[in-house]
């Protein structure tokens, strides 16, 4: 039952603009007759009601949009951190492999292939970037941080 309510709430929130617009139209249509204006001045009451609904809609939509913008900026900041971390780890692997005496003397070609492979991995990771991969990365590092805090 609780899951059903959460799903309904999620659907409502995803379509909040439509619901608020519909509610605004109902208010514009229903409120002026309820205020018992003279039928000749009903259009003025409707215009004032529409103006009030428009201002309220503007404030609500501005608030929602600014919150979405903040969430996107936070997500982008975290994505940048994730990509920086992944690229840094891959590049460190490359650098360390180049300092390995066995690699330096015997297997230069293999080191070049490792570099190419790492570049492909980074490209794939950027191409596959999604909310899921970001949350997986967050969970991975949250678990690591939790483990370090326990020590």
C-alpha atoms as a PDB file:
ATOM      1  CA  UNK A   1       0.000   0.000   0.000  1.00  0.00           C
ATOM      2  CA  UNK A   2       2.801   2.392   0.950  1.00  0.00           C
ATOM      3  CA  UNK A   3       4.643   1.563  -2.290  1.00  0.00           C
ATOM      4  CA  UNK A   4       1.497   2.388  -4.270  1.00  0.00           C
ATOM      5  CA  UNK A   5       1.178   5.754  -2.532  1.00  0.00           C
ATOM      6  CA  UNK A   6       4.864   6.504  -3.195  1.00  0.00           C
ATOM      7  CA  UNK A   7       4.434   5.629  -6.885  1.00  0.00           C
ATOM      8  CA  UNK A   8       1.359   7.858  -7.134  1.00  0.00           C
ATOM      9  CA  UNK A   9       3.219  10.689  -5.410  1.00  0.00           C
ATOM     10  CA  UNK A  10       6.165  10.223  -7.765  1.00  0.00           C
ATOM     11  CA  UNK A  11       3.857  10.385 -10.815  1.00  0.00           C
ATOM     12  CA  UNK A  12       2.221  13.500  -9.371  1.00  0.00           C
ATOM     13  CA  UNK A  13       5.573  15.197  -8.793  1.00  0.00           C
ATOM     14  CA  UNK A  14       6.877  14.262 -12.249  1.00  0.00           C
ATOM     15  CA  UNK A  15       3.858  16.013 -13.782  1.00  0.00           C
ATOM     16  CA  UNK A  16       3.521  18.847 -11.265  1.00  0.00           C
ATOM     17  CA  UNK A  17       3.459  21.520 -13.982  1.00  0.00           C
ATOM     18  CA  UNK A  18       0.415  19.932 -15.621  1.00  0.00           C
ATOM     19  CA  UNK A  19      -1.407  19.509 -12.316  1.00  0.00           C
ATOM     20  CA  UNK A  20      -0.717  23.097 -11.279  1.00  0.00           C
ATOM     21  CA  UNK A  21      -1.817  24.423 -14.663  1.00  0.00           C
ATOM     22  CA  UNK A  22      -5.055  22.438 -14.474  1.00  0.00           C
ATOM     23  CA  UNK A  23      -5.665  23.664 -10.925  1.00  0.00           C
ATOM     24  CA  UNK A  24      -5.002  27.244 -12.068  1.00  0.00           C
ATOM     25  CA  UNK A  25      -7.564  26.928 -14.858  1.00  0.00           C
ATOM     26  CA  UNK A  26     -10.138  25.550 -12.411  1.00  0.00           C
ATOM     27  CA  UNK A  27      -9.486  28.451 -10.026  1.00  0.00           C
ATOM     28  CA  UNK A  28      -9.760  31.014 -12.849  1.00  0.00           C
ATOM     29  CA  UNK A  29     -13.019  29.467 -14.004  1.00  0.00           C
ATOM     30  CA  UNK A  30     -14.598  28.791 -10.581  1.00  0.00           C
ATOM     31  CA  UNK A  31     -13.565  31.658  -8.281  1.00  0.00           C
ATOM     32  CA  UNK A  32     -15.106  34.733  -9.999  1.00  0.00           C
ATOM     33  CA  UNK A  33     -18.695  33.377  -9.911  1.00  0.00           C
ATOM     34  CA  UNK A  34     -18.191  32.436  -6.243  1.00  0.00           C
ATOM     35  CA  UNK A  35     -17.219  36.022  -5.403  1.00  0.00           C
ATOM     36  CA  UNK A  36     -20.734  37.076  -6.446  1.00  0.00           C
ATOM     37  CA  UNK A  37     -19.715  39.874  -8.800  1.00  0.00           C
ATOM     38  CA  UNK A  38     -22.157  41.760 -10.942  1.00  0.00           C
ATOM     39  CA  UNK A  39     -22.484  39.772 -14.205  1.00  0.00           C
ATOM     40  CA  UNK A  40     -21.337  42.849 -16.134  1.00  0.00           C
ATOM     41  CA  UNK A  41     -18.067  42.927 -14.122  1.00  0.00           C
ATOM     42  CA  UNK A  42     -17.475  39.167 -14.108  1.00  0.00           C
ATOM     43  CA  UNK A  43     -14.742  39.547 -16.733  1.00  0.00           C
ATOM     44  CA  UNK A  44     -12.814  41.889 -14.403  1.00  0.00           C
ATOM     45  CA  UNK A  45     -12.948  39.376 -11.557  1.00  0.00           C
ATOM     46  CA  UNK A  46     -11.829  36.676 -13.975  1.00  0.00           C
ATOM     47  CA  UNK A  47      -8.925  38.843 -15.157  1.00  0.00           C
ATOM     48  CA  UNK A  48      -7.804  39.611 -11.585  1.00  0.00           C
ATOM     49  CA  UNK A  49      -8.060  35.935 -10.677  1.00  0.00           C
ATOM     50  CA  UNK A  50      -6.089  34.961 -13.786  1.00  0.00           C
ATOM     51  CA  UNK A  51      -3.437  37.552 -12.909  1.00  0.00           C
ATOM     52  CA  UNK A  52      -3.135  36.209  -9.348  1.00  0.00           C
ATOM     53  CA  UNK A  53      -2.933  32.611 -10.609  1.00  0.00           C
ATOM     54  CA  UNK A  54      -0.313  33.652 -13.184  1.00  0.00           C
ATOM     55  CA  UNK A  55       1.864  35.301 -10.539  1.00  0.00           C
ATOM     56  CA  UNK A  56       1.513  32.306  -8.227  1.00  0.00           C
ATOM     57  CA  UNK A  57       2.367  29.929 -11.097  1.00  0.00           C
ATOM     58  CA  UNK A  58       5.405  32.018 -11.931  1.00  0.00           C
ATOM     59  CA  UNK A  59       6.677  31.853  -8.361  1.00  0.00           C
ATOM     60  CA  UNK A  60       6.071  28.111  -8.102  1.00  0.00           C
ATOM     61  CA  UNK A  61       7.676  27.343 -11.465  1.00  0.00           C
ATOM     62  CA  UNK A  62      10.663  29.563 -10.674  1.00  0.00           C
ATOM     63  CA  UNK A  63      11.131  27.727  -7.373  1.00  0.00           C
ATOM     64  CA  UNK A  64      10.870  24.306  -9.027  1.00  0.00           C
ATOM     65  CA  UNK A  65      13.197  25.290 -11.869  1.00  0.00           C
ATOM     66  CA  UNK A  66      15.819  26.772  -9.557  1.00  0.00           C
ATOM     67  CA  UNK A  67      15.739  23.595  -7.444  1.00  0.00           C
ATOM     68  CA  UNK A  68      16.166  21.475 -10.576  1.00  0.00           C
ATOM     69  CA  UNK A  69      19.065  23.686 -11.653  1.00  0.00           C
ATOM     70  CA  UNK A  70      20.751  23.234  -8.250  1.00  0.00           C
ATOM     71  CA  UNK A  71      20.276  19.460  -8.459  1.00  0.00           C
ATOM     72  CA  UNK A  72      21.757  19.384 -11.980  1.00  0.00           C
ATOM     73  CA  UNK A  73      24.725  21.494 -10.878  1.00  0.00           C
ATOM     74  CA  UNK A  74      25.341  19.143  -7.950  1.00  0.00           C
ATOM     75  CA  UNK A  75      25.074  16.119 -10.250  1.00  0.00           C
ATOM     76  CA  UNK A  76      27.503  17.682 -12.716  1.00  0.00           C
ATOM     77  CA  UNK A  77      29.935  18.453  -9.898  1.00  0.00           C
ATOM     78  CA  UNK A  78      29.761  14.831  -8.712  1.00  0.00           C
ATOM     79  CA  UNK A  79      30.119  13.524 -12.275  1.00  0.00           C
ATOM     80  CA  UNK A  80      33.219  15.641 -12.733  1.00  0.00           C
ATOM     81  CA  UNK A  81      34.654  14.229  -9.501  1.00  0.00           C
ATOM     82  CA  UNK A  82      33.861  10.702 -10.650  1.00  0.00           C
ATOM     83  CA  UNK A  83      35.467  11.211 -14.054  1.00  0.00           C
ATOM     84  CA  UNK A  84      38.483  12.898 -12.508  1.00  0.00           C
ATOM     85  CA  UNK A  85      38.868   9.974 -10.108  1.00  0.00           C
ATOM     86  CA  UNK A  86      38.515   7.336 -12.826  1.00  0.00           C
ATOM     87  CA  UNK A  87      40.867   9.110 -15.222  1.00  0.00           C
ATOM     88  CA  UNK A  88      43.395   9.739 -12.448  1.00  0.00           C
ATOM     89  CA  UNK A  89      43.361   6.071 -11.428  1.00  0.00           C
ATOM     90  CA  UNK A  90      43.761   4.887 -15.014  1.00  0.00           C
ATOM     91  CA  UNK A  91      46.562   7.332 -15.752  1.00  0.00           C
ATOM     92  CA  UNK A  92      48.361   6.385 -12.541  1.00  0.00           C
ATOM     93  CA  UNK A  93      48.198   2.762 -13.632  1.00  0.00           C
ATOM     94  CA  UNK A  94      49.794   3.756 -16.934  1.00  0.00           C
ATOM     95  CA  UNK A  95      52.521   5.797 -15.255  1.00  0.00           C
ATOM     96  CA  UNK A  96      53.315   3.036 -12.766  1.00  0.00           C
ATOM     97  CA  UNK A  97      53.507   0.454 -15.530  1.00  0.00           C
ATOM     98  CA  UNK A  98      56.033   2.599 -17.400  1.00  0.00           C
ATOM     99  CA  UNK A  99      58.325   2.697 -14.351  1.00  0.00           C
ATOM    100  CA  UNK A 100      58.278  -1.065 -13.977  1.00  0.00           C
ATOM    101  CA  UNK A 101      61.775  -2.231 -15.068  1.00  0.00           C
ATOM    102  CA  UNK A 102      60.372  -5.312 -16.774  1.00  0.00           C
ATOM    103  CA  UNK A 103      58.021  -3.203 -18.853  1.00  0.00           C
ATOM    104  CA  UNK A 104      60.649  -0.592 -19.618  1.00  0.00           C
ATOM    105  CA  UNK A 105      63.163  -3.113 -20.906  1.00  0.00           C
ATOM    106  CA  UNK A 106      61.136  -5.894 -22.436  1.00  0.00           C
ATOM    107  CA  UNK A 107      57.534  -5.034 -23.225  1.00  0.00           C
ATOM    108  CA  UNK A 108      57.230  -1.445 -24.496  1.00  0.00           C
ATOM    109  CA  UNK A 109      54.647  -2.467 -27.049  1.00  0.00           C
ATOM    110  CA  UNK A 110      52.489  -4.021 -24.345  1.00  0.00           C
ATOM    111  CA  UNK A 111      52.686  -0.770 -22.363  1.00  0.00           C
ATOM    112  CA  UNK A 112      51.411   1.135 -25.401  1.00  0.00           C
ATOM    113  CA  UNK A 113      48.534  -1.342 -25.695  1.00  0.00           C
ATOM    114  CA  UNK A 114      47.761  -0.818 -21.984  1.00  0.00           C
ATOM    115  CA  UNK A 115      47.639   2.935 -22.585  1.00  0.00           C
ATOM    116  CA  UNK A 116      45.283   2.454 -25.535  1.00  0.00           C
ATOM    117  CA  UNK A 117      43.115   0.128 -23.451  1.00  0.00           C
ATOM    118  CA  UNK A 118      42.952   2.661 -20.612  1.00  0.00           C
ATOM    119  CA  UNK A 119      41.985   5.434 -23.010  1.00  0.00           C
ATOM    120  CA  UNK A 120      39.216   3.185 -24.404  1.00  0.00           C
ATOM    121  CA  UNK A 121      38.033   2.417 -20.863  1.00  0.00           C
ATOM    122  CA  UNK A 122      37.852   6.119 -20.041  1.00  0.00           C
ATOM    123  CA  UNK A 123      35.994   6.822 -23.299  1.00  0.00           C
ATOM    124  CA  UNK A 124      33.511   4.031 -22.587  1.00  0.00           C
ATOM    125  CA  UNK A 125      32.953   5.285 -19.071  1.00  0.00           C
ATOM    126  CA  UNK A 126      32.219   8.790 -20.342  1.00  0.00           C
ATOM    127  CA  UNK A 127      29.924   7.339 -23.022  1.00  0.00           C
ATOM    128  CA  UNK A 128      28.071   5.150 -20.520  1.00  0.00           C
ATOM    129  CA  UNK A 129      27.650   7.922 -17.981  1.00  0.00           C
ATOM    130  CA  UNK A 130      24.217   7.740 -16.368  1.00  0.00           C
ATOM    131  CA  UNK A 131      22.463   8.297 -13.086  1.00  0.00           C
ATOM    132  CA  UNK A 132      22.971   4.609 -12.316  1.00  0.00           C
ATOM    133  CA  UNK A 133      26.726   4.723 -12.897  1.00  0.00           C
ATOM    134  CA  UNK A 134      26.953   7.841 -10.757  1.00  0.00           C
ATOM    135  CA  UNK A 135      24.996   6.223  -7.923  1.00  0.00           C
ATOM    136  CA  UNK A 136      27.143   3.045  -8.222  1.00  0.00           C
ATOM    137  CA  UNK A 137      30.266   5.200  -7.903  1.00  0.00           C
ATOM    138  CA  UNK A 138      28.781   7.050  -4.923  1.00  0.00           C
ATOM    139  CA  UNK A 139      27.927   3.755  -3.195  1.00  0.00           C
ATOM    140  CA  UNK A 140      31.392   2.380  -3.856  1.00  0.00           C
ATOM    141  CA  UNK A 141      33.076   5.365  -2.279  1.00  0.00           C
ATOM    142  CA  UNK A 142      30.531   5.644   0.509  1.00  0.00           C
ATOM    143  CA  UNK A 143      31.341   2.057   1.474  1.00  0.00           C
ATOM    144  CA  UNK A 144      35.060   2.835   1.315  1.00  0.00           C
ATOM    145  CA  UNK A 145      34.638   5.931   3.463  1.00  0.00           C
ATOM    146  CA  UNK A 146      32.498   4.006   5.957  1.00  0.00           C
ATOM    147  CA  UNK A 147      35.154   1.298   6.203  1.00  0.00           C
ATOM    148  CA  UNK A 148      37.884   3.882   6.774  1.00  0.00           C
ATOM    149  CA  UNK A 149      35.831   5.627   9.463  1.00  0.00           C
ATOM    150  CA  UNK A 150      35.433   2.337  11.354  1.00  0.00           C
ATOM    151  CA  UNK A 151      39.199   1.771  11.460  1.00  0.00           C
END
